[in-house]
Amino acid sequence: MVCCQCIASINTLQAQSVMVGPSIVRFNTAPGKAEIKTIFLKNVSNKSQSFKLYIRDWLRDSVGGHQYYRADTLPQSCANIVSIEPASYIKVDSGKTGKIIMRMKPSATASNTEMKWAMLFIESLSDETQDKGKSKKFKMQINNVARIGVHIYQTPPGAITKAVEGIRLSIDSAQKGFVYLYMKNIGQVMLTCKVHLELTYLPTGEENILKETEFPVFPGGFRKVKLDLPKDIKPGSYSILAVLDYGIDVPLEAVQQNITILPAAAK
């Protein structure tokens, strides 16, 4: 059985036909050791389905978007130390659950403090392509495909440091109803950050704590995070405090700046 909380569905037309889980595979493999994880593909359609399997490198850009690269292109890639079985193609009959075995094995001389990552893509094949797969002269042809990316994270035991720098606010956009927070992860592990704004209306001291925004940042990653101000914020002078939480085992970080919200007619 595939655990419900570990299931992610493939999008578009095949959203109800296959489930994949887990969608994130985390390794904590020491140099020279090996670790094995299993990914499940459950076919809930009324016919057999085939999928192409391949690994790519990737990064998050400054606003959180994904950028993809050929495997083993980036210095942070773990593509050359992870393998999958089957290696490139899997067929799952109707009502059945297929398995992808993922094996992580860093070399004995690999860094014990440097996080690596990659992504496994599971991509549907068209009916035409699946039929061709029965022949010895199999040639993959992708038409109207759907795919899901399974995140692969390798964080060796020695990678434990959490640290950030360059935290600052940009308030140039405040009249448009938002501000930006900037920060960089200079630690050894991926951070799951939470940030919220605390507004103080200076003429009266009235405080307003805004909702939290969550975002991940890879080691070495720089982020620009958009934080919305209340739509009904009244004109006047404010102190704006951004509070950044990037782990229960590290202190909170904060940055403060004063802003003036102009009346609507003056914007």
Protein backbone atom coordinates (compact mmCIF):
# COMPACT_ATOMS: atom_id res chain seq x y z
CA MET A 1 0.00 0.00 0.00
CA VAL A 2 1.11 3.56 -0.68
CA CYS A 3 0.90 5.79 2.39
CA CYS A 4 -1.68 8.52 1.82
CA GLN A 5 0.45 11.37 3.09
CA CYS A 6 3.27 10.33 0.72
CA ILE A 7 1.19 10.45 -2.47
CA ALA A 8 1.49 13.14 -5.12
CA SER A 9 -0.63 12.95 -8.27
CA ILE A 10 0.60 13.46 -11.82
CA ASN A 11 -1.06 16.52 -13.32
CA THR A 12 -3.12 17.31 -16.46
CA LEU A 13 -5.24 14.54 -18.04
CA GLN A 14 -3.68 11.76 -15.98
CA ALA A 15 -4.37 13.37 -12.62
CA GLN A 16 -6.75 10.58 -11.59
CA SER A 17 -4.89 7.67 -13.21
CA VAL A 18 -1.60 7.35 -11.36
CA MET A 19 -0.23 8.24 -7.95
CA VAL A 20 3.43 8.60 -7.02
CA GLY A 21 4.90 8.64 -3.54
CA PRO A 22 6.86 9.86 -1.82
CA SER A 23 7.36 13.09 -3.74
CA ILE A 24 10.47 13.93 -1.70
CA VAL A 25 13.25 11.39 -1.04
CA ARG A 26 15.68 12.36 1.71
CA PHE A 27 19.03 10.64 2.14
CA ASN A 28 21.50 11.12 5.00
CA THR A 29 24.20 8.90 3.60
CA ALA A 30 27.73 9.04 4.97
CA PRO A 31 30.71 8.94 2.57
CA GLY A 32 31.48 5.38 1.46
CA LYS A 33 28.12 4.07 2.65
CA ALA A 34 24.99 3.14 0.69
CA GLU A 35 21.32 3.82 1.37
CA ILE A 36 18.22 2.57 -0.44
CA LYS A 37 14.75 4.14 -0.75
CA THR A 38 11.63 2.99 -2.61
CA ILE A 39 9.25 5.07 -4.73
CA PHE A 40 5.80 3.68 -5.50
CA LEU A 41 3.72 4.20 -8.66
CA LYS A 42 0.10 3.15 -8.27
CA ASN A 43 -1.90 2.77 -11.50
CA VAL A 44 -5.55 3.49 -10.71
CA SER A 45 -6.65 3.60 -14.36
CA ASN A 46 -8.34 0.80 -16.31
CA LYS A 47 -5.36 0.11 -18.58
CA SER A 48 -1.62 -0.47 -18.26
CA GLN A 49 0.62 2.59 -18.33
CA SER A 50 4.28 3.13 -19.15
CA PHE A 51 6.64 5.81 -17.88
CA LYS A 52 10.03 7.16 -18.83
CA LEU A 53 12.44 7.67 -15.90
CA TYR A 54 15.31 10.15 -15.89
CA ILE A 55 17.30 12.32 -13.48
CA ARG A 56 18.04 16.03 -13.90
CA ASP A 57 19.87 18.72 -11.95
CA TRP A 58 17.92 21.71 -10.73
CA LEU A 59 18.06 24.95 -8.76
CA ARG A 60 15.58 27.38 -7.28
CA ASP A 61 15.94 30.92 -8.57
CA SER A 62 15.71 34.02 -6.37
CA VAL A 63 11.90 33.99 -6.37
CA GLY A 64 11.52 30.23 -5.89
CA GLY A 65 11.08 29.11 -9.51
CA HIS A 66 12.69 25.86 -10.66
CA GLN A 67 15.48 25.83 -13.24
CA TYR A 68 16.49 22.47 -14.77
CA TYR A 69 19.80 21.26 -16.16
CA ARG A 70 21.34 18.13 -17.65
CA ALA A 71 22.23 15.55 -14.99
CA ASP A 72 25.60 16.01 -13.27
CA THR A 73 25.95 19.57 -14.58
CA LEU A 74 25.85 21.53 -11.32
CA PRO A 75 28.42 21.27 -8.52
CA GLN A 76 25.58 20.58 -6.07
CA SER A 77 24.34 17.61 -8.11
CA CYS A 78 23.97 14.13 -6.61
CA ALA A 79 23.10 12.64 -10.02
CA ASN A 80 26.43 10.81 -10.25
CA ILE A 81 26.01 9.08 -6.87
CA VAL A 82 22.37 8.01 -7.17
CA SER A 83 21.00 5.20 -9.31
CA ILE A 84 17.52 3.86 -9.99
CA GLU A 85 16.15 0.43 -10.87
CA PRO A 86 14.59 0.16 -13.39
CA ALA A 87 17.02 2.54 -15.00
CA SER A 88 14.91 4.29 -17.66
CA TYR A 89 11.47 2.76 -18.17
CA ILE A 90 8.69 1.17 -16.12
CA LYS A 91 5.33 -0.32 -17.03
CA VAL A 92 2.56 -0.66 -14.44
CA ASP A 93 -0.55 -2.77 -15.11
CA SER A 94 -4.02 -1.53 -14.23
CA GLY A 95 -4.69 -1.65 -10.50
CA LYS A 96 -1.09 -2.54 -9.69
CA THR A 97 1.70 -0.68 -7.89
CA GLY A 98 5.13 -0.46 -9.46
CA LYS A 99 8.35 0.17 -7.53
CA ILE A 100 11.39 2.29 -8.32
CA ILE A 101 14.39 1.41 -6.17
CA MET A 102 16.68 4.41 -5.57
CA ARG A 103 20.21 3.83 -4.27
CA MET A 104 22.47 6.56 -2.94
CA LYS A 105 26.20 5.81 -2.61
CA PRO A 106 28.69 8.67 -2.13
CA SER A 107 32.36 7.85 -2.60
CA ALA A 108 34.53 7.27 0.45
CA THR A 109 36.26 10.60 -0.26
CA ALA A 110 33.04 12.62 -0.65
CA SER A 111 32.44 15.61 1.60
CA ASN A 112 30.59 14.82 4.82
CA THR A 113 29.36 18.41 5.15
CA GLU A 114 28.10 19.31 1.67
CA MET A 115 24.46 18.85 0.72
CA LYS A 116 23.68 17.57 -2.80
CA TRP A 117 20.42 17.30 -4.71
CA ALA A 118 18.77 16.30 -7.99
CA MET A 119 15.32 15.41 -9.31
CA LEU A 120 13.84 12.19 -10.70
CA PHE A 121 11.29 12.76 -13.42
CA ILE A 122 8.53 10.22 -14.03
CA GLU A 123 7.04 10.99 -17.41
CA SER A 124 4.04 9.33 -19.02
CA LEU A 125 4.39 7.79 -22.46
CA SER A 126 1.69 8.00 -25.13
CA ASP A 127 -0.21 4.90 -26.18
CA GLU A 128 1.71 4.92 -29.47
CA THR A 129 5.02 4.94 -27.61
CA GLN A 130 3.91 2.18 -25.26
CA ASP A 131 3.04 -0.04 -28.23
CA LYS A 132 6.48 0.56 -29.73
CA GLY A 133 7.99 -0.47 -26.43
CA LYS A 134 6.97 -4.05 -27.12
CA SER A 135 9.42 -4.31 -29.99
CA LYS A 136 13.15 -4.80 -29.70
CA LYS A 137 13.68 -1.59 -31.65
CA PHE A 138 12.12 0.50 -28.91
CA LYS A 139 12.21 4.22 -29.59
CA MET A 140 10.73 6.63 -27.06
CA GLN A 141 8.36 9.23 -28.44
CA ILE A 142 6.68 11.70 -26.10
CA ASN A 143 3.29 13.14 -27.05
CA ASN A 144 1.02 15.14 -24.71
CA VAL A 145 2.90 13.86 -21.71
CA ALA A 146 2.34 14.45 -18.04
CA ARG A 147 5.21 14.26 -15.59
CA ILE A 148 6.03 14.61 -11.95
CA GLY A 149 9.34 15.48 -10.34
CA VAL A 150 10.48 13.60 -7.26
CA HIS A 151 12.91 15.71 -5.21
CA ILE A 152 16.13 13.94 -4.18
CA TYR A 153 18.05 15.41 -1.23
CA GLN A 154 21.35 14.03 0.05
CA THR A 155 22.38 15.63 3.35
CA PRO A 156 25.39 13.79 4.82
CA PRO A 157 25.62 13.43 8.63
CA GLY A 158 28.20 16.21 8.97
CA ALA A 159 26.04 18.84 7.24
CA ILE A 160 24.43 20.53 10.23
CA THR A 161 25.25 24.25 10.13
CA LYS A 162 22.36 26.67 9.69
CA ALA A 163 23.20 30.30 8.94
CA VAL A 164 21.87 33.24 6.94
CA GLU A 165 23.20 36.64 5.94
CA GLY A 166 22.19 39.72 4.00
CA ILE A 167 18.74 40.01 5.57
CA ARG A 168 17.15 43.28 4.52
CA LEU A 169 13.84 44.84 3.58
CA SER A 170 13.06 46.76 0.42
CA ILE A 171 10.10 49.12 0.91
CA ASP A 172 10.08 50.86 -2.48
CA SER A 173 6.99 48.84 -3.39
CA ALA A 174 5.07 49.64 -0.17
CA GLN A 175 2.70 52.03 -1.97
CA LYS A 176 1.74 49.09 -4.21
CA GLY A 177 0.79 47.00 -1.18
CA PHE A 178 3.85 44.81 -0.60
CA VAL A 179 7.50 44.81 0.43
CA TYR A 180 10.42 42.48 -0.33
CA LEU A 181 12.60 40.52 2.07
CA TYR A 182 16.09 39.57 0.87
CA MET A 183 18.29 36.87 2.42
CA LYS A 184 20.99 34.31 1.63
CA ASN A 185 21.54 30.81 3.05
CA ILE A 186 25.25 30.52 3.95
CA GLY A 187 24.85 27.27 5.92
CA GLN A 188 25.33 23.62 4.97
CA VAL A 189 21.69 22.46 4.79
CA MET A 190 18.50 23.44 3.03
CA LEU A 191 16.46 25.82 5.16
CA THR A 192 12.71 25.86 5.49
CA CYS A 193 12.15 29.51 6.36
CA LYS A 194 9.10 31.22 7.82
CA VAL A 195 8.77 34.98 7.81
CA HIS A 196 6.08 37.36 8.97
CA LEU A 197 5.65 41.11 9.22
CA GLU A 198 4.74 43.05 12.35
CA LEU A 199 3.32 46.50 11.60
CA THR A 200 3.17 49.23 14.21
CA TYR A 201 1.10 52.35 13.43
CA LEU A 202 3.40 54.98 14.95
CA PRO A 203 0.82 57.69 15.80
CA THR A 204 -1.08 55.31 18.14
CA GLY A 205 1.22 52.32 18.72
CA GLU A 206 -1.40 49.95 17.27
CA GLU A 207 0.20 46.63 16.25
CA ASN A 208 -0.76 44.22 13.50
CA ILE A 209 0.98 40.84 13.04
CA LEU A 210 0.52 39.58 9.48
CA LYS A 211 0.25 36.00 8.27
CA GLU A 212 3.34 33.86 7.85
CA THR A 213 5.02 33.06 4.53
CA GLU A 214 7.05 29.86 4.18
CA PHE A 215 9.79 29.19 1.63
CA PRO A 216 12.79 26.83 1.17
CA VAL A 217 16.37 27.92 0.39
CA PHE A 218 19.24 25.66 -0.70
CA PRO A 219 22.77 26.17 0.68
CA GLY A 220 24.25 29.12 -1.17
CA GLY A 221 20.80 30.17 -2.33
CA PHE A 222 19.65 33.80 -2.46
CA ARG A 223 15.94 34.62 -2.03
CA LYS A 224 13.72 37.59 -2.71
CA VAL A 225 10.38 37.07 -0.98
CA LYS A 226 7.29 39.15 -1.64
CA LEU A 227 5.35 40.00 1.53
CA ASP A 228 1.89 41.54 1.17
CA LEU A 229 0.69 44.43 3.29
CA PRO A 230 -2.97 44.60 4.38
CA LYS A 231 -5.24 45.72 1.56
CA ASP A 232 -7.07 48.05 3.92
CA ILE A 233 -3.94 49.59 5.47
CA LYS A 234 -4.64 53.20 6.41
CA PRO A 235 -2.31 56.06 5.47
CA GLY A 236 0.33 57.17 7.93
CA SER A 237 3.71 56.30 9.41
CA TYR A 238 4.57 52.71 10.31
CA SER A 239 7.37 50.68 11.78
CA ILE A 240 7.65 47.46 9.83
CA LEU A 241 9.46 44.52 11.42
CA ALA A 242 10.23 41.34 9.46
CA VAL A 243 10.84 38.28 11.65
CA LEU A 244 12.63 35.31 10.04
CA ASP A 245 12.45 31.82 11.58
CA TYR A 246 14.68 29.19 9.91
CA GLY A 247 14.73 26.49 12.58
CA ILE A 248 13.88 25.80 16.21
CA ASP A 249 17.57 25.25 16.95
CA VAL A 250 18.70 28.72 15.80
CA PRO A 251 17.74 32.23 17.00
CA LEU A 252 15.15 34.29 15.17
CA GLU A 253 16.46 36.98 12.83
CA ALA A 254 14.72 40.34 12.43
CA VAL A 255 15.06 43.51 10.41
CA GLN A 256 13.14 46.76 10.96
CA GLN A 257 12.41 49.82 8.83
CA ASN A 258 9.99 52.74 8.93
CA ILE A 259 7.62 53.47 6.08
CA THR A 260 4.98 56.05 5.26
CA ILE A 261 1.82 54.94 3.51
CA LEU A 262 0.36 57.76 1.43
CA PRO A 263 -3.36 58.42 0.97
CA ALA A 264 -4.83 56.75 -2.11
CA ALA A 265 -5.06 60.02 -4.05
CA ALA A 266 -1.35 60.69 -3.49
CA LYS A 267 -0.10 57.30 -4.73
